[in-house]
Structure formats: C-alpha cells, structure tokens
Amino acid sequence: MAPALLLCIPLVGNVMSSEVNWSGYDFLIAAVMLWGTVGLIHLIVSRVTKPILRIMLCCLALVALALIWTELAVGIFGTTLAGS
C-alpha cells in the first residue's frame, strides 16, 4: 500500500502544478522501482535470520533505490539512465 500512496504525491503535483511533469512512463518506472524494493525487502525479512544482516541488507536495498531514483531524476552520475 505504501508504494501506491507514495505515487499519489507526484500525481497530485501533476494535477496541481505545471512544474511537475510526469508522464505515464515515469509513473510506470517509479511503480516498478517501489514495488520491486518492497518485494526485495519482504524477501530479505522472510529469508534472512540474523538481525544485523537483515538490517544491513534492507538498508542496502533502500540506498540502491535512492541512488537509482536520484540518477533518473537529476543525473548525479551522468550515466545513460538519465539521458546523458
């Protein structure tokens, strides 16, 4: 449910402001990334038994999501993902 609620934020921004300009493709990519991260965290929590390793892997998944999201948004690394 959380990924769907998070996707409502840019949807409202699209409707209310001309500064937010997300296409359907942007929403699709964001949904795949969010649901994929939620699925990965669920898999980690259900399979990994050591608490420290569980926390570290979940944090790694969230950092990976943040880095990929940031690269797609503003291109901090200058890869082809951001259109550079």
Protein backbone atom coordinates (compact mmCIF):
# COMPACT_ATOMS: atom_id res chain seq x y z
CA MET A 1 0.00 0.00 0.00
CA ALA A 2 2.88 2.38 0.74
CA PRO A 3 4.19 2.49 -2.86
CA ALA A 4 0.73 3.40 -4.13
CA LEU A 5 0.45 6.19 -1.57
CA LEU A 6 3.91 7.48 -2.49
CA LEU A 7 2.91 7.60 -6.15
CA CYS A 8 -0.05 9.79 -5.23
CA ILE A 9 2.33 12.61 -4.32
CA PRO A 10 3.60 13.26 -7.89
CA LEU A 11 0.10 12.56 -9.23
CA VAL A 12 -1.30 15.40 -7.14
CA GLY A 13 1.68 17.52 -8.20
CA ASN A 14 0.90 16.82 -11.84
CA VAL A 15 -2.69 17.95 -11.39
CA MET A 16 -2.00 21.00 -9.21
CA SER A 17 1.16 22.44 -10.77
CA SER A 18 2.73 22.83 -14.16
CA GLU A 19 6.19 22.39 -12.62
CA VAL A 20 5.66 18.67 -12.03
CA ASN A 21 5.67 16.98 -15.41
CA TRP A 22 5.49 13.19 -15.03
CA SER A 23 4.39 11.05 -17.96
CA GLY A 24 2.76 7.66 -17.74
CA TYR A 25 6.18 6.12 -18.37
CA ASP A 26 7.59 7.95 -15.31
CA PHE A 27 4.80 6.58 -13.15
CA LEU A 28 5.39 3.07 -14.51
CA ILE A 29 9.14 3.18 -13.78
CA ALA A 30 8.53 4.60 -10.29
CA ALA A 31 5.93 1.93 -9.54
CA VAL A 32 8.23 -0.88 -10.70
CA MET A 33 11.09 0.50 -8.60
CA LEU A 34 8.97 0.97 -5.48
CA TRP A 35 7.16 -2.37 -5.70
CA GLY A 36 10.43 -4.12 -6.55
CA THR A 37 12.12 -2.64 -3.49
CA VAL A 38 9.17 -3.59 -1.29
CA GLY A 39 9.30 -7.14 -2.67
CA LEU A 40 13.06 -7.35 -2.11
CA ILE A 41 12.74 -6.13 1.47
CA HIS A 42 9.94 -8.62 2.09
CA LEU A 43 12.17 -11.38 0.71
CA ILE A 44 15.07 -10.29 2.90
CA VAL A 45 12.92 -10.14 6.03
CA SER A 46 11.40 -13.56 5.39
CA ARG A 47 14.64 -15.39 4.44
CA VAL A 48 17.46 -13.82 6.45
CA THR A 49 17.60 -14.94 10.07
CA LYS A 50 20.42 -12.82 11.50
CA PRO A 51 19.02 -9.44 12.61
CA ILE A 52 22.16 -7.42 11.82
CA LEU A 53 22.43 -8.90 8.33
CA ARG A 54 18.72 -8.31 7.79
CA ILE A 55 19.05 -4.64 8.73
CA MET A 56 22.15 -4.18 6.58
CA LEU A 57 20.55 -5.77 3.51
CA CYS A 58 17.36 -3.74 3.92
CA CYS A 59 19.41 -0.55 4.23
CA LEU A 60 21.39 -1.54 1.14
CA ALA A 61 18.15 -2.05 -0.81
CA LEU A 62 16.88 1.38 0.27
CA VAL A 63 20.17 3.09 -0.59
CA ALA A 64 20.15 1.42 -4.03
CA LEU A 65 16.58 2.67 -4.58
CA ALA A 66 17.56 6.20 -3.54
CA LEU A 67 20.64 6.25 -5.80
CA ILE A 68 18.79 4.92 -8.84
CA TRP A 69 15.86 7.27 -8.24
CA THR A 70 18.22 10.25 -7.91
CA GLU A 71 20.12 9.25 -11.05
CA LEU A 72 16.89 9.04 -13.02
CA ALA A 73 15.67 12.36 -11.62
CA VAL A 74 18.71 14.59 -11.96
CA GLY A 75 21.59 12.52 -13.33
CA ILE A 76 24.11 12.86 -10.49
CA PHE A 77 26.45 10.27 -12.02
CA GLY A 78 25.97 11.23 -15.66
CA THR A 79 25.08 7.75 -16.90
CA THR A 80 22.85 6.95 -19.85
CA LEU A 81 19.96 6.26 -17.45
CA ALA A 82 19.50 9.99 -17.01
CA GLY A 83 19.66 10.68 -20.71
CA SER A 84 23.27 11.89 -20.78
